[in-house]
Amino acid sequence: MSAFQRRIRNGAAVLTDHICKEMNELNLERCACIPKNVPGADWRVLLEIVAADPARETFKARAAARPAGPAAHTGC
C-alpha cells in the first residue's frame, strides 16, 4: 500500500466505495502480464516485457504494449 493509500484510507481496515471499470479481453491480458511479486509494478513494465520478447507485442493481432517512446504511454 502506498503512502497516499494509507493517508486517504485514514486507518480504515476495509476499502469501501471502490468502483472498478469493466475491462475488455485485451486489458485483462495486459493486467495478467504485470508481475504480481514486484512492488510498484504497473502497466509500464509491459514495455520492458515487449523489449525483452518482441513476440509478445501483439495479442490476437492487437497491440498488447507499444514500444517505448513519446507516444507509448497508453495505459493498461
C-alpha atoms as a PDB file:
ATOM      1  CA  MET A   1       0.000   0.000   0.000  1.00  0.00           C
ATOM      2  CA  SER A   2       1.365   3.408  -0.919  1.00  0.00           C
ATOM      3  CA  ALA A   3       1.708   6.329   1.470  1.00  0.00           C
ATOM      4  CA  PHE A   4      -1.139   8.031  -0.399  1.00  0.00           C
ATOM      5  CA  GLN A   5      -3.403   4.996   0.061  1.00  0.00           C
ATOM      6  CA  ARG A   6      -2.629   4.840   3.791  1.00  0.00           C
ATOM      7  CA  ARG A   7      -3.379   8.538   4.175  1.00  0.00           C
ATOM      8  CA  ILE A   8      -6.574   8.572   2.128  1.00  0.00           C
ATOM      9  CA  ARG A   9      -7.922   5.463   3.905  1.00  0.00           C
ATOM     10  CA  ASN A  10      -7.255   7.132   7.268  1.00  0.00           C
ATOM     11  CA  GLY A  11      -6.692   3.850   9.106  1.00  0.00           C
ATOM     12  CA  ALA A  12      -9.719   2.061   7.627  1.00  0.00           C
ATOM     13  CA  ALA A  13      -9.261  -1.714   7.516  1.00  0.00           C
ATOM     14  CA  VAL A  14     -11.816  -2.178   4.732  1.00  0.00           C
ATOM     15  CA  LEU A  15     -11.918  -0.414   1.370  1.00  0.00           C
ATOM     16  CA  THR A  16     -15.427   0.880   0.625  1.00  0.00           C
ATOM     17  CA  ASP A  17     -16.994   2.829  -2.239  1.00  0.00           C
ATOM     18  CA  HIS A  18     -14.463   1.361  -4.660  1.00  0.00           C
ATOM     19  CA  ILE A  19     -15.603   1.090  -8.267  1.00  0.00           C
ATOM     20  CA  CYS A  20     -13.688  -0.913 -10.872  1.00  0.00           C
ATOM     21  CA  LYS A  21     -14.162  -0.374 -14.560  1.00  0.00           C
ATOM     22  CA  GLU A  22     -15.126  -3.496 -16.505  1.00  0.00           C
ATOM     23  CA  MET A  23     -12.188  -4.470 -18.701  1.00  0.00           C
ATOM     24  CA  ASN A  24     -12.201  -5.892 -22.193  1.00  0.00           C
ATOM     25  CA  GLU A  25     -10.231  -9.028 -23.047  1.00  0.00           C
ATOM     26  CA  LEU A  26      -7.128  -7.111 -24.182  1.00  0.00           C
ATOM     27  CA  ASN A  27      -6.889  -5.081 -20.965  1.00  0.00           C
ATOM     28  CA  LEU A  28      -7.436  -8.208 -18.857  1.00  0.00           C
ATOM     29  CA  GLU A  29      -4.495  -9.822 -20.684  1.00  0.00           C
ATOM     30  CA  ARG A  30      -2.358  -6.716 -20.129  1.00  0.00           C
ATOM     31  CA  CYS A  31      -3.094  -6.811 -16.406  1.00  0.00           C
ATOM     32  CA  ALA A  32      -2.354 -10.536 -16.279  1.00  0.00           C
ATOM     33  CA  CYS A  33       1.138  -9.824 -17.686  1.00  0.00           C
ATOM     34  CA  ILE A  34       2.050  -7.368 -14.926  1.00  0.00           C
ATOM     35  CA  PRO A  35       4.249  -9.188 -12.381  1.00  0.00           C
ATOM     36  CA  LYS A  36       2.410  -9.634  -9.083  1.00  0.00           C
ATOM     37  CA  ASN A  37       5.560 -10.139  -6.983  1.00  0.00           C
ATOM     38  CA  VAL A  38       7.203  -6.821  -7.957  1.00  0.00           C
ATOM     39  CA  PRO A  39       6.252  -3.921  -5.655  1.00  0.00           C
ATOM     40  CA  GLY A  40       5.102  -0.900  -7.641  1.00  0.00           C
ATOM     41  CA  ALA A  41       4.807  -2.772 -10.958  1.00  0.00           C
ATOM     42  CA  ASP A  42       2.226  -1.269 -13.280  1.00  0.00           C
ATOM     43  CA  TRP A  43       1.450  -1.068 -16.994  1.00  0.00           C
ATOM     44  CA  ARG A  44       4.869   0.471 -17.734  1.00  0.00           C
ATOM     45  CA  VAL A  45       6.546  -2.902 -17.141  1.00  0.00           C
ATOM     46  CA  LEU A  46       4.745  -4.171 -20.257  1.00  0.00           C
ATOM     47  CA  LEU A  47       7.135  -2.089 -22.354  1.00  0.00           C
ATOM     48  CA  GLU A  48      10.078  -3.902 -20.752  1.00  0.00           C
ATOM     49  CA  ILE A  49       8.429  -7.279 -21.367  1.00  0.00           C
ATOM     50  CA  VAL A  50       7.953  -6.463 -25.054  1.00  0.00           C
ATOM     51  CA  ALA A  51      11.524  -5.130 -25.352  1.00  0.00           C
ATOM     52  CA  ALA A  52      12.796  -8.449 -23.972  1.00  0.00           C
ATOM     53  CA  ASP A  53      10.461 -10.547 -26.168  1.00  0.00           C
ATOM     54  CA  PRO A  54       9.056  -8.698 -29.229  1.00  0.00           C
ATOM     55  CA  ALA A  55       6.766 -11.656 -29.989  1.00  0.00           C
ATOM     56  CA  ARG A  56       4.637 -10.582 -27.004  1.00  0.00           C
ATOM     57  CA  GLU A  57       3.830  -7.201 -28.564  1.00  0.00           C
ATOM     58  CA  THR A  58       0.515  -8.390 -30.006  1.00  0.00           C
ATOM     59  CA  PHE A  59      -2.493 -10.172 -28.558  1.00  0.00           C
ATOM     60  CA  LYS A  60      -4.913 -11.549 -31.135  1.00  0.00           C
ATOM     61  CA  ALA A  61      -3.367  -9.181 -33.721  1.00  0.00           C
ATOM     62  CA  ARG A  62      -3.852  -6.126 -31.460  1.00  0.00           C
ATOM     63  CA  ALA A  63      -1.097  -4.177 -29.765  1.00  0.00           C
ATOM     64  CA  ALA A  64      -0.637  -5.508 -26.242  1.00  0.00           C
ATOM     65  CA  ALA A  65       2.027  -2.903 -25.499  1.00  0.00           C
ATOM     66  CA  ARG A  66       3.645  -0.238 -27.595  1.00  0.00           C
ATOM     67  CA  PRO A  67       7.420   0.191 -27.877  1.00  0.00           C
ATOM     68  CA  ALA A  68       8.902   2.815 -25.573  1.00  0.00           C
ATOM     69  CA  GLY A  69       8.766   6.356 -26.916  1.00  0.00           C
ATOM     70  CA  PRO A  70       6.886   9.624 -26.508  1.00  0.00           C
ATOM     71  CA  ALA A  71       3.559   8.141 -27.644  1.00  0.00           C
ATOM     72  CA  ALA A  72       3.992   4.858 -25.762  1.00  0.00           C
ATOM     73  CA  HIS A  73       2.063   5.781 -22.607  1.00  0.00           C
ATOM     74  CA  THR A  74      -1.385   4.410 -23.433  1.00  0.00           C
ATOM     75  CA  GLY A  75      -2.313   2.722 -20.136  1.00  0.00           C
ATOM     76  CA  CYS A  76      -3.316  -0.746 -19.060  1.00  0.00           C
END
